[in-house]
Protein backbone atom coordinates (compact mmCIF):
# COMPACT_ATOMS: atom_id res chain seq x y z
CA UNK A 1 -18.66 1.12 -23.48
CA UNK A 2 -18.08 0.96 -20.58
CA UNK A 3 -15.90 -1.50 -18.89
CA UNK A 4 -16.93 -4.14 -15.88
CA UNK A 5 -16.30 -3.32 -12.34
CA UNK A 6 -14.17 -6.81 -11.63
CA UNK A 7 -11.11 -5.81 -14.14
CA UNK A 8 -8.08 -5.79 -11.25
CA UNK A 9 -6.30 -2.63 -12.02
CA UNK A 10 -3.73 -3.88 -8.35
CA UNK A 11 -3.00 -5.92 -6.24
CA UNK A 12 -1.12 -6.36 -2.82
CA UNK A 13 -0.64 -9.63 -1.19
CA UNK A 14 -0.52 -9.73 2.43
CA UNK A 15 0.98 -12.05 5.06
CA UNK A 16 -2.25 -13.36 5.93
CA UNK A 17 -3.51 -14.62 2.63
CA UNK A 18 -5.65 -12.03 1.31
CA UNK A 19 -5.08 -9.56 -1.15
CA UNK A 20 -6.01 -5.77 -1.49
CA UNK A 21 -7.30 -5.68 -4.63
CA UNK A 22 -8.14 -2.40 -6.36
CA UNK A 23 -10.59 -2.77 -9.10
CA UNK A 24 -11.92 -0.64 -12.36
CA UNK A 25 -12.95 2.84 -11.25
CA UNK A 26 -10.88 2.93 -7.76
CA UNK A 27 -12.64 0.25 -5.69
CA UNK A 28 -10.68 -1.60 -3.43
CA UNK A 29 -11.89 -4.57 -2.18
CA UNK A 30 -10.31 -7.35 0.46
CA UNK A 31 -10.44 -10.97 -0.83
CA UNK A 32 -9.35 -14.24 1.50
CA UNK A 33 -7.45 -16.78 -0.29
CA UNK A 34 -7.48 -19.32 2.52
CA UNK A 35 -10.14 -21.20 1.29
CA UNK A 36 -8.77 -21.74 -1.41
CA UNK A 37 -5.35 -23.30 -0.23
CA UNK A 38 -7.19 -26.32 0.32
CA UNK A 39 -7.71 -26.96 -3.63
CA UNK A 40 -4.88 -29.10 -5.48
CA UNK A 41 -4.94 -26.44 -8.32
CA UNK A 42 -4.10 -23.59 -5.74
CA UNK A 43 -1.43 -25.84 -3.49
CA UNK A 44 1.46 -23.58 -4.75
CA UNK A 45 -0.22 -20.74 -2.99
CA UNK A 46 0.47 -22.73 0.90
CA UNK A 47 4.04 -21.28 0.07
CA UNK A 48 3.93 -17.46 1.29
CA UNK A 49 6.78 -16.35 -0.45
CA UNK A 50 4.81 -17.41 -3.75
CA UNK A 51 1.31 -16.32 -2.69
CA UNK A 52 3.33 -12.87 -1.82
CA UNK A 53 4.35 -12.59 -5.53
CA UNK A 54 0.57 -11.86 -7.13
CA UNK A 55 0.69 -9.38 -9.35
CA UNK A 56 -1.89 -7.93 -11.58
CA UNK A 57 -1.68 -9.03 -14.98
CA UNK A 58 -4.57 -9.10 -18.00
CA UNK A 59 -7.68 -7.62 -16.21
CA UNK A 60 -6.80 -10.10 -13.00
CA UNK A 61 -4.52 -11.79 -10.40
CA UNK A 62 -1.58 -13.77 -11.31
CA UNK A 63 1.25 -15.43 -9.83
CA UNK A 64 2.76 -17.61 -12.71
CA UNK A 65 1.34 -19.37 -16.56
CA UNK A 66 -0.73 -21.79 -14.12
CA UNK A 67 -2.13 -20.43 -11.30
CA UNK A 68 -4.19 -17.21 -11.55
CA UNK A 69 -8.16 -16.65 -10.28
CA UNK A 70 -11.01 -15.34 -12.33
CA UNK A 71 -11.43 -11.35 -11.74
CA UNK A 72 -15.52 -12.13 -11.89
CA UNK A 73 -14.86 -14.63 -8.59
CA UNK A 74 -12.42 -11.77 -6.71
CA UNK A 75 -14.59 -9.35 -6.84
CA UNK A 76 -17.57 -11.47 -6.12
CA UNK A 77 -15.97 -13.39 -3.12
CA UNK A 78 -14.29 -10.14 -1.75
CA UNK A 79 -15.37 -7.57 0.57
CA UNK A 80 -15.74 -3.56 0.23
CA UNK A 81 -12.85 -1.40 1.68
CA UNK A 82 -12.51 1.84 2.97
CA UNK A 83 -9.13 3.58 2.22
CA UNK A 84 -8.51 5.24 5.53
CA UNK A 85 -8.99 1.23 7.12
CA UNK A 86 -6.48 0.20 4.84
CA UNK A 87 -3.08 -0.89 7.15
């Protein structure tokens, strides 16, 4: 059975509150987390040091036991990037 394309394999949190995410199959996409910062459940992400601790686990992006984002949302709401354009 083929894995869904939205499974997160790697993530790099960036200082501008975006995530560079590598999904199954090697597709890389940029997710802008800034729209989430005003939602109470994601309030901890307003702290840049906390945001930068993002890690890929369980097929998605997590920060701790309380803060994570559904991998389907990360995929659907992110923008594809070309490898040579990644800074």
